[in-house]
Amino acid sequence: MKCREGCGACCIAPSISSPIPGMPNGKPAGERCVQLSVENLCTIFGQAERPAVCSAFEADADVCGNSSEEAIRLIGWWEQMTAA
């Protein structure tokens, strides 16, 4: 599946434990990443500062669904199911 440009769900729904520029302690689930633009695009895409977990994310129908709203719900569900 190709990532939906301007979706941003993967930058909002999951927690990210690694440092992000502007968020040295990562971010909690459901919080918008400070590197997500108003157009829902990553402002550090392709840069070395981008966390490895973000670079490794691959869009998939099971995670992203059919819309940004569905992706927020699905990623949030996966976040809860895999929380330790």
PDB file of N, CA and C in Angstrom:
ATOM      1  N   MET A   1       0.847  -1.182   0.000  1.00  0.00           N
ATOM      2  CA  MET A   1       0.000   0.000   0.000  1.00  0.00           C
ATOM      3  C   MET A   1       0.888   1.240   0.000  1.00  0.00           C
ATOM      4  N   LYS A   2       0.498   2.217  -0.782  1.00  0.00           N
ATOM      5  CA  LYS A   2       1.226   3.487  -0.807  1.00  0.00           C
ATOM      6  C   LYS A   2       0.658   4.400   0.282  1.00  0.00           C
ATOM      7  N   CYS A   3       1.537   5.111   0.951  1.00  0.00           N
ATOM      8  CA  CYS A   3       1.126   6.038   2.009  1.00  0.00           C
ATOM      9  C   CYS A   3       0.253   7.145   1.415  1.00  0.00           C
ATOM     10  N   ARG A   4      -0.824   7.507   2.146  1.00  0.00           N
ATOM     11  CA  ARG A   4      -1.682   8.618   1.712  1.00  0.00           C
ATOM     12  C   ARG A   4      -1.027   9.938   2.121  1.00  0.00           C
ATOM     13  N   GLU A   5      -0.589  10.698   1.150  1.00  0.00           N
ATOM     14  CA  GLU A   5       0.053  11.980   1.449  1.00  0.00           C
ATOM     15  C   GLU A   5      -0.928  12.889   2.177  1.00  0.00           C
ATOM     16  N   GLY A   6      -0.463  13.488   3.264  1.00  0.00           N
ATOM     17  CA  GLY A   6      -1.298  14.392   4.040  1.00  0.00           C
ATOM     18  C   GLY A   6      -2.164  13.690   5.070  1.00  0.00           C
ATOM     19  N   CYS A   7      -1.942  12.406   5.289  1.00  0.00           N
ATOM     20  CA  CYS A   7      -2.732  11.652   6.275  1.00  0.00           C
ATOM     21  C   CYS A   7      -2.292  12.034   7.690  1.00  0.00           C
ATOM     22  N   GLY A   8      -1.026  11.781   8.018  1.00  0.00           N
ATOM     23  CA  GLY A   8      -0.477  12.159   9.314  1.00  0.00           C
ATOM     24  C   GLY A   8      -0.839  11.264  10.478  1.00  0.00           C
ATOM     25  N   ALA A   9      -1.648  10.241  10.263  1.00  0.00           N
ATOM     26  CA  ALA A   9      -2.086   9.384  11.370  1.00  0.00           C
ATOM     27  C   ALA A   9      -0.913   8.734  12.096  1.00  0.00           C
ATOM     28  N   CYS A  10       0.114   8.324  11.350  1.00  0.00           N
ATOM     29  CA  CYS A  10       1.268   7.667  11.964  1.00  0.00           C
ATOM     30  C   CYS A  10       2.122   8.652  12.767  1.00  0.00           C
ATOM     31  N   CYS A  11       1.850   9.941  12.640  1.00  0.00           N
ATOM     32  CA  CYS A  11       2.559  10.976  13.393  1.00  0.00           C
ATOM     33  C   CYS A  11       1.712  11.505  14.551  1.00  0.00           C
ATOM     34  N   ILE A  12       0.526  10.934  14.712  1.00  0.00           N
ATOM     35  CA  ILE A  12      -0.377  11.358  15.772  1.00  0.00           C
ATOM     36  C   ILE A  12      -0.727  10.190  16.701  1.00  0.00           C
ATOM     37  N   ALA A  13      -1.229   9.106  16.135  1.00  0.00           N
ATOM     38  CA  ALA A  13      -1.801   8.017  16.939  1.00  0.00           C
ATOM     39  C   ALA A  13      -0.803   7.240  17.790  1.00  0.00           C
ATOM     40  N   PRO A  14       0.360   6.830  17.266  1.00  0.00           N
ATOM     41  CA  PRO A  14       1.231   5.985  18.092  1.00  0.00           C
ATOM     42  C   PRO A  14       2.111   6.785  19.040  1.00  0.00           C
ATOM     43  N   SER A  15       2.541   6.094  20.094  1.00  0.00           N
ATOM     44  CA  SER A  15       3.578   6.680  20.941  1.00  0.00           C
ATOM     45  C   SER A  15       4.913   6.456  20.232  1.00  0.00           C
ATOM     46  N   ILE A  16       5.841   7.351  20.457  1.00  0.00           N
ATOM     47  CA  ILE A  16       7.193   7.215  19.913  1.00  0.00           C
ATOM     48  C   ILE A  16       8.141   7.448  21.078  1.00  0.00           C
ATOM     49  N   SER A  17       8.909   6.434  21.427  1.00  0.00           N
ATOM     50  CA  SER A  17       9.770   6.526  22.606  1.00  0.00           C
ATOM     51  C   SER A  17      11.130   7.137  22.314  1.00  0.00           C
ATOM     52  N   SER A  18      11.530   7.178  21.068  1.00  0.00           N
ATOM     53  CA  SER A  18      12.827   7.762  20.732  1.00  0.00           C
ATOM     54  C   SER A  18      12.721   9.274  20.601  1.00  0.00           C
ATOM     55  N   PRO A  19      13.842   9.973  20.818  1.00  0.00           N
ATOM     56  CA  PRO A  19      13.825  11.433  20.693  1.00  0.00           C
ATOM     57  C   PRO A  19      13.465  11.885  19.286  1.00  0.00           C
ATOM     58  N   ILE A  20      12.735  12.976  19.238  1.00  0.00           N
ATOM     59  CA  ILE A  20      12.344  13.633  17.991  1.00  0.00           C
ATOM     60  C   ILE A  20      12.795  15.084  18.149  1.00  0.00           C
ATOM     61  N   PRO A  21      13.348  15.728  17.130  1.00  0.00           N
ATOM     62  CA  PRO A  21      13.694  17.141  17.290  1.00  0.00           C
ATOM     63  C   PRO A  21      12.481  17.933  17.787  1.00  0.00           C
ATOM     64  N   GLY A  22      12.667  18.614  18.906  1.00  0.00           N
ATOM     65  CA  GLY A  22      11.581  19.374  19.526  1.00  0.00           C
ATOM     66  C   GLY A  22      10.793  18.565  20.535  1.00  0.00           C
ATOM     67  N   MET A  23      11.040  17.262  20.586  1.00  0.00           N
ATOM     68  CA  MET A  23      10.377  16.363  21.538  1.00  0.00           C
ATOM     69  C   MET A  23      11.443  15.375  22.041  1.00  0.00           C
ATOM     70  N   PRO A  24      12.346  15.835  22.907  1.00  0.00           N
ATOM     71  CA  PRO A  24      13.483  15.001  23.306  1.00  0.00           C
ATOM     72  C   PRO A  24      13.100  13.708  24.030  1.00  0.00           C
ATOM     73  N   ASN A  25      11.903  13.638  24.567  1.00  0.00           N
ATOM     74  CA  ASN A  25      11.449  12.428  25.255  1.00  0.00           C
ATOM     75  C   ASN A  25      10.480  11.620  24.403  1.00  0.00           C
ATOM     76  N   GLY A  26      10.448  11.884  23.113  1.00  0.00           N
ATOM     77  CA  GLY A  26       9.493  11.215  22.245  1.00  0.00           C
ATOM     78  C   GLY A  26       8.120  11.841  22.407  1.00  0.00           C
ATOM     79  N   LYS A  27       7.062  11.070  22.099  1.00  0.00           N
ATOM     80  CA  LYS A  27       5.710  11.611  22.226  1.00  0.00           C
ATOM     81  C   LYS A  27       4.748  10.517  22.655  1.00  0.00           C
ATOM     82  N   PRO A  28       3.747  10.885  23.433  1.00  0.00           N
ATOM     83  CA  PRO A  28       2.732   9.900  23.823  1.00  0.00           C
ATOM     84  C   PRO A  28       1.730   9.642  22.697  1.00  0.00           C
ATOM     85  N   ALA A  29       1.066   8.523  22.790  1.00  0.00           N
ATOM     86  CA  ALA A  29       0.025   8.171  21.813  1.00  0.00           C
ATOM     87  C   ALA A  29      -1.052   9.246  21.805  1.00  0.00           C
ATOM     88  N   GLY A  30      -1.517   9.578  20.620  1.00  0.00           N
ATOM     89  CA  GLY A  30      -2.593  10.549  20.470  1.00  0.00           C
ATOM     90  C   GLY A  30      -2.138  11.993  20.418  1.00  0.00           C
ATOM     91  N   GLU A  31      -0.864  12.246  20.658  1.00  0.00           N
ATOM     92  CA  GLU A  31      -0.331  13.608  20.599  1.00  0.00           C
ATOM     93  C   GLU A  31       0.307  13.838  19.233  1.00  0.00           C
ATOM     94  N   ARG A  32       0.019  14.974  18.667  1.00  0.00           N
ATOM     95  CA  ARG A  32       0.559  15.337  17.350  1.00  0.00           C
ATOM     96  C   ARG A  32       2.066  15.599  17.471  1.00  0.00           C
ATOM     97  N   CYS A  33       2.863  15.033  16.587  1.00  0.00           N
ATOM     98  CA  CYS A  33       4.301  15.285  16.572  1.00  0.00           C
ATOM     99  C   CYS A  33       4.542  16.743  16.186  1.00  0.00           C
ATOM    100  N   VAL A  34       5.501  17.371  16.831  1.00  0.00           N
ATOM    101  CA  VAL A  34       5.802  18.774  16.511  1.00  0.00           C
ATOM    102  C   VAL A  34       6.389  18.917  15.115  1.00  0.00           C
ATOM    103  N   GLN A  35       6.856  17.832  14.530  1.00  0.00           N
ATOM    104  CA  GLN A  35       7.426  17.870  13.184  1.00  0.00           C
ATOM    105  C   GLN A  35       6.383  17.643  12.089  1.00  0.00           C
ATOM    106  N   LEU A  36       5.117  17.510  12.484  1.00  0.00           N
ATOM    107  CA  LEU A  36       4.039  17.328  11.516  1.00  0.00           C
ATOM    108  C   LEU A  36       3.495  18.703  11.128  1.00  0.00           C
ATOM    109  N   SER A  37       3.572  19.011   9.847  1.00  0.00           N
ATOM    110  CA  SER A  37       3.140  20.335   9.370  1.00  0.00           C
ATOM    111  C   SER A  37       1.616  20.447   9.377  1.00  0.00           C
ATOM    112  N   VAL A  38       1.111  21.647   9.143  1.00  0.00           N
ATOM    113  CA  VAL A  38      -0.339  21.854   9.083  1.00  0.00           C
ATOM    114  C   VAL A  38      -0.947  21.092   7.901  1.00  0.00           C
ATOM    115  N   GLU A  39      -0.118  20.746   6.923  1.00  0.00           N
ATOM    116  CA  GLU A  39      -0.573  19.943   5.776  1.00  0.00           C
ATOM    117  C   GLU A  39      -0.468  18.450   6.078  1.00  0.00           C
ATOM    118  N   ASN A  40      -0.118  18.103   7.329  1.00  0.00           N
ATOM    119  CA  ASN A  40       0.089  16.713   7.766  1.00  0.00           C
ATOM    120  C   ASN A  40       1.211  16.026   7.002  1.00  0.00           C
ATOM    121  N   LEU A  41       2.301  16.745   6.793  1.00  0.00           N
ATOM    122  CA  LEU A  41       3.504  16.201   6.183  1.00  0.00           C
ATOM    123  C   LEU A  41       4.647  16.314   7.180  1.00  0.00           C
ATOM    124  N   CYS A  42       5.545  15.336   7.175  1.00  0.00           N
ATOM    125  CA  CYS A  42       6.692  15.340   8.076  1.00  0.00           C
ATOM    126  C   CYS A  42       7.713  16.368   7.603  1.00  0.00           C
ATOM    127  N   THR A  43       8.048  17.306   8.480  1.00  0.00           N
ATOM    128  CA  THR A  43       8.996  18.356   8.098  1.00  0.00           C
ATOM    129  C   THR A  43      10.441  17.867   8.139  1.00  0.00           C
ATOM    130  N   ILE A  44      10.690  16.681   8.709  1.00  0.00           N
ATOM    131  CA  ILE A  44      12.055  16.142   8.749  1.00  0.00           C
ATOM    132  C   ILE A  44      12.162  14.846   7.930  1.00  0.00           C
ATOM    133  N   PHE A  45      11.201  14.619   7.048  1.00  0.00           N
ATOM    134  CA  PHE A  45      11.225  13.434   6.188  1.00  0.00           C
ATOM    135  C   PHE A  45      12.528  13.388   5.400  1.00  0.00           C
ATOM    136  N   GLY A  46      13.196  12.239   5.410  1.00  0.00           N
ATOM    137  CA  GLY A  46      14.431  12.064   4.665  1.00  0.00           C
ATOM    138  C   GLY A  46      15.668  12.623   5.341  1.00  0.00           C
ATOM    139  N   GLN A  47      15.512  13.222   6.521  1.00  0.00           N
ATOM    140  CA  GLN A  47      16.650  13.793   7.227  1.00  0.00           C
ATOM    141  C   GLN A  47      17.139  12.837   8.307  1.00  0.00           C
ATOM    142  N   ALA A  48      18.414  12.955   8.649  1.00  0.00           N
ATOM    143  CA  ALA A  48      19.030  12.077   9.652  1.00  0.00           C
ATOM    144  C   ALA A  48      18.374  12.207  11.020  1.00  0.00           C
ATOM    145  N   GLU A  49      17.777  13.347  11.320  1.00  0.00           N
ATOM    146  CA  GLU A  49      17.145  13.572  12.631  1.00  0.00           C
ATOM    147  C   GLU A  49      15.834  12.806  12.792  1.00  0.00           C
ATOM    148  N   ARG A  50      15.283  12.341  11.710  1.00  0.00           N
ATOM    149  CA  ARG A  50      14.011  11.610  11.766  1.00  0.00           C
ATOM    150  C   ARG A  50      14.247  10.281  12.481  1.00  0.00           C
ATOM    151  N   PRO A  51      13.425   9.957  13.491  1.00  0.00           N
ATOM    152  CA  PRO A  51      13.620   8.705  14.228  1.00  0.00           C
ATOM    153  C   PRO A  51      13.539   7.482  13.318  1.00  0.00           C
ATOM    154  N   ALA A  52      14.346   6.475  13.628  1.00  0.00           N
ATOM    155  CA  ALA A  52      14.379   5.241  12.837  1.00  0.00           C
ATOM    156  C   ALA A  52      13.009   4.582  12.784  1.00  0.00           C
ATOM    157  N   VAL A  53      12.265   4.643  13.883  1.00  0.00           N
ATOM    158  CA  VAL A  53      10.932   4.026  13.902  1.00  0.00           C
ATOM    159  C   VAL A  53      10.010   4.683  12.879  1.00  0.00           C
ATOM    160  N   CYS A  54      10.164   5.958  12.662  1.00  0.00           N
ATOM    161  CA  CYS A  54       9.353   6.669  11.673  1.00  0.00           C
ATOM    162  C   CYS A  54       9.784   6.279  10.256  1.00  0.00           C
ATOM    163  N   SER A  55      11.083   6.230  10.040  1.00  0.00           N
ATOM    164  CA  SER A  55      11.592   5.865   8.719  1.00  0.00           C
ATOM    165  C   SER A  55      11.223   4.439   8.345  1.00  0.00           C
ATOM    166  N   ALA A  56      11.122   3.557   9.337  1.00  0.00           N
ATOM    167  CA  ALA A  56      10.827   2.147   9.079  1.00  0.00           C
ATOM    168  C   ALA A  56       9.337   1.870   8.877  1.00  0.00           C
ATOM    169  N   PHE A  57       8.471   2.821   9.223  1.00  0.00           N
ATOM    170  CA  PHE A  57       7.028   2.595   9.090  1.00  0.00           C
ATOM    171  C   PHE A  57       6.654   2.405   7.626  1.00  0.00           C
ATOM    172  N   GLU A  58       5.864   1.364   7.371  1.00  0.00           N
ATOM    173  CA  GLU A  58       5.362   1.117   6.021  1.00  0.00           C
ATOM    174  C   GLU A  58       3.844   1.062   6.065  1.00  0.00           C
ATOM    175  N   ALA A  59       3.215   1.824   5.212  1.00  0.00           N
ATOM    176  CA  ALA A  59       1.759   1.845   5.154  1.00  0.00           C
ATOM    177  C   ALA A  59       1.234   0.456   4.803  1.00  0.00           C
ATOM    178  N   ASP A  60       0.155   0.079   5.465  1.00  0.00           N
ATOM    179  CA  ASP A  60      -0.471  -1.221   5.240  1.00  0.00           C
ATOM    180  C   ASP A  60      -1.962  -1.063   5.509  1.00  0.00           C
ATOM    181  N   ALA A  61      -2.787  -1.713   4.720  1.00  0.00           N
ATOM    182  CA  ALA A  61      -4.242  -1.584   4.874  1.00  0.00           C
ATOM    183  C   ALA A  61      -4.710  -1.984   6.273  1.00  0.00           C
ATOM    184  N   ASP A  62      -4.058  -2.960   6.912  1.00  0.00           N
ATOM    185  CA  ASP A  62      -4.443  -3.390   8.259  1.00  0.00           C
ATOM    186  C   ASP A  62      -4.179  -2.303   9.302  1.00  0.00           C
ATOM    187  N   VAL A  63      -3.276  -1.415   9.007  1.00  0.00           N
ATOM    188  CA  VAL A  63      -2.913  -0.343   9.939  1.00  0.00           C
ATOM    189  C   VAL A  63      -3.519   0.987   9.507  1.00  0.00           C
ATOM    190  N   CYS A  64      -3.584   1.217   8.214  1.00  0.00           N
ATOM    191  CA  CYS A  64      -3.989   2.523   7.696  1.00  0.00           C
ATOM    192  C   CYS A  64      -5.449   2.611   7.250  1.00  0.00           C
ATOM    193  N   GLY A  65      -6.092   1.474   7.060  1.00  0.00           N
ATOM    194  CA  GLY A  65      -7.489   1.493   6.649  1.00  0.00           C
ATOM    195  C   GLY A  65      -7.702   2.214   5.335  1.00  0.00           C
ATOM    196  N   ASN A  66      -8.884   2.827   5.204  1.00  0.00           N
ATOM    197  CA  ASN A  66      -9.264   3.491   3.953  1.00  0.00           C
ATOM    198  C   ASN A  66      -9.279   5.009   4.029  1.00  0.00           C
ATOM    199  N   SER A  67      -8.956   5.564   5.205  1.00  0.00           N
ATOM    200  CA  SER A  67      -8.971   7.020   5.363  1.00  0.00           C
ATOM    201  C   SER A  67      -8.060   7.409   6.524  1.00  0.00           C
ATOM    202  N   SER A  68      -7.766   8.685   6.613  1.00  0.00           N
ATOM    203  CA  SER A  68      -6.955   9.183   7.724  1.00  0.00           C
ATOM    204  C   SER A  68      -7.640   8.923   9.059  1.00  0.00           C
ATOM    205  N   GLU A  69      -8.953   9.124   9.089  1.00  0.00           N
ATOM    206  CA  GLU A  69      -9.717   8.919  10.324  1.00  0.00           C
ATOM    207  C   GLU A  69      -9.668   7.456  10.756  1.00  0.00           C
ATOM    208  N   GLU A  70      -9.812   6.560   9.779  1.00  0.00           N
ATOM    209  CA  GLU A  70      -9.741   5.137  10.097  1.00  0.00           C
ATOM    210  C   GLU A  70      -8.331   4.764  10.554  1.00  0.00           C
ATOM    211  N   ALA A  71      -7.327   5.355   9.946  1.00  0.00           N
ATOM    212  CA  ALA A  71      -5.941   5.096  10.348  1.00  0.00           C
ATOM    213  C   ALA A  71      -5.706   5.521  11.791  1.00  0.00           C
ATOM    214  N   ILE A  72      -6.238   6.665  12.189  1.00  0.00           N
ATOM    215  CA  ILE A  72      -6.097   7.116  13.586  1.00  0.00           C
ATOM    216  C   ILE A  72      -6.695   6.066  14.516  1.00  0.00           C
ATOM    217  N   ARG A  73      -7.898   5.580  14.183  1.00  0.00           N
ATOM    218  CA  ARG A  73      -8.554   4.564  15.030  1.00  0.00           C
ATOM    219  C   ARG A  73      -7.758   3.263  15.055  1.00  0.00           C
ATOM    220  N   LEU A  74      -7.337   2.789  13.884  1.00  0.00           N
ATOM    221  CA  LEU A  74      -6.615   1.518  13.813  1.00  0.00           C
ATOM    222  C   LEU A  74      -5.258   1.586  14.501  1.00  0.00           C
ATOM    223  N   ILE A  75      -4.504   2.628  14.239  1.00  0.00           N
ATOM    224  CA  ILE A  75      -3.189   2.759  14.867  1.00  0.00           C
ATOM    225  C   ILE A  75      -3.353   2.907  16.375  1.00  0.00           C
ATOM    226  N   GLY A  76      -4.375   3.640  16.802  1.00  0.00           N
ATOM    227  CA  GLY A  76      -4.667   3.757  18.235  1.00  0.00           C
ATOM    228  C   GLY A  76      -4.993   2.414  18.853  1.00  0.00           C
ATOM    229  N   TRP A  77      -5.768   1.598  18.117  1.00  0.00           N
ATOM    230  CA  TRP A  77      -6.101   0.258  18.601  1.00  0.00           C
ATOM    231  C   TRP A  77      -4.839  -0.594  18.715  1.00  0.00           C
ATOM    232  N   TRP A  78      -3.985  -0.589  17.665  1.00  0.00           N
ATOM    233  CA  TRP A  78      -2.744  -1.336  17.711  1.00  0.00           C
ATOM    234  C   TRP A  78      -1.860  -0.857  18.858  1.00  0.00           C
ATOM    235  N   GLU A  79      -1.852   0.427  19.100  1.00  0.00           N
ATOM    236  CA  GLU A  79      -1.069   0.999  20.216  1.00  0.00           C
ATOM    237  C   GLU A  79      -1.533   0.393  21.542  1.00  0.00           C
ATOM    238  N   GLN A  80      -2.835   0.359  21.750  1.00  0.00           N
ATOM    239  CA  GLN A  80      -3.368  -0.214  22.990  1.00  0.00           C
ATOM    240  C   GLN A  80      -3.093  -1.703  23.101  1.00  0.00           C
ATOM    241  N   MET A  81      -3.230  -2.434  22.004  1.00  0.00           N
ATOM    242  CA  MET A  81      -3.041  -3.887  22.026  1.00  0.00           C
ATOM    243  C   MET A  81      -1.587  -4.303  22.251  1.00  0.00           C
ATOM    244  N   THR A  82      -0.665  -3.427  21.896  1.00  0.00           N
ATOM    245  CA  THR A  82       0.760  -3.777  22.037  1.00  0.00           C
ATOM    246  C   THR A  82       1.445  -3.054  23.196  1.00  0.00           C
ATOM    247  N   ALA A  83       0.695  -2.273  23.963  1.00  0.00           N
ATOM    248  CA  ALA A  83       1.271  -1.553  25.099  1.00  0.00           C
ATOM    249  C   ALA A  83       1.739  -2.549  26.167  1.00  0.00           C
ATOM    250  N   ALA A  84       2.892  -2.276  26.694  1.00  0.00           N
ATOM    251  CA  ALA A  84       3.438  -3.169  27.735  1.00  0.00           C
ATOM    252  C   ALA A  84       3.195  -2.606  29.113  1.00  0.00           C
TER     253      ALA A  84
END
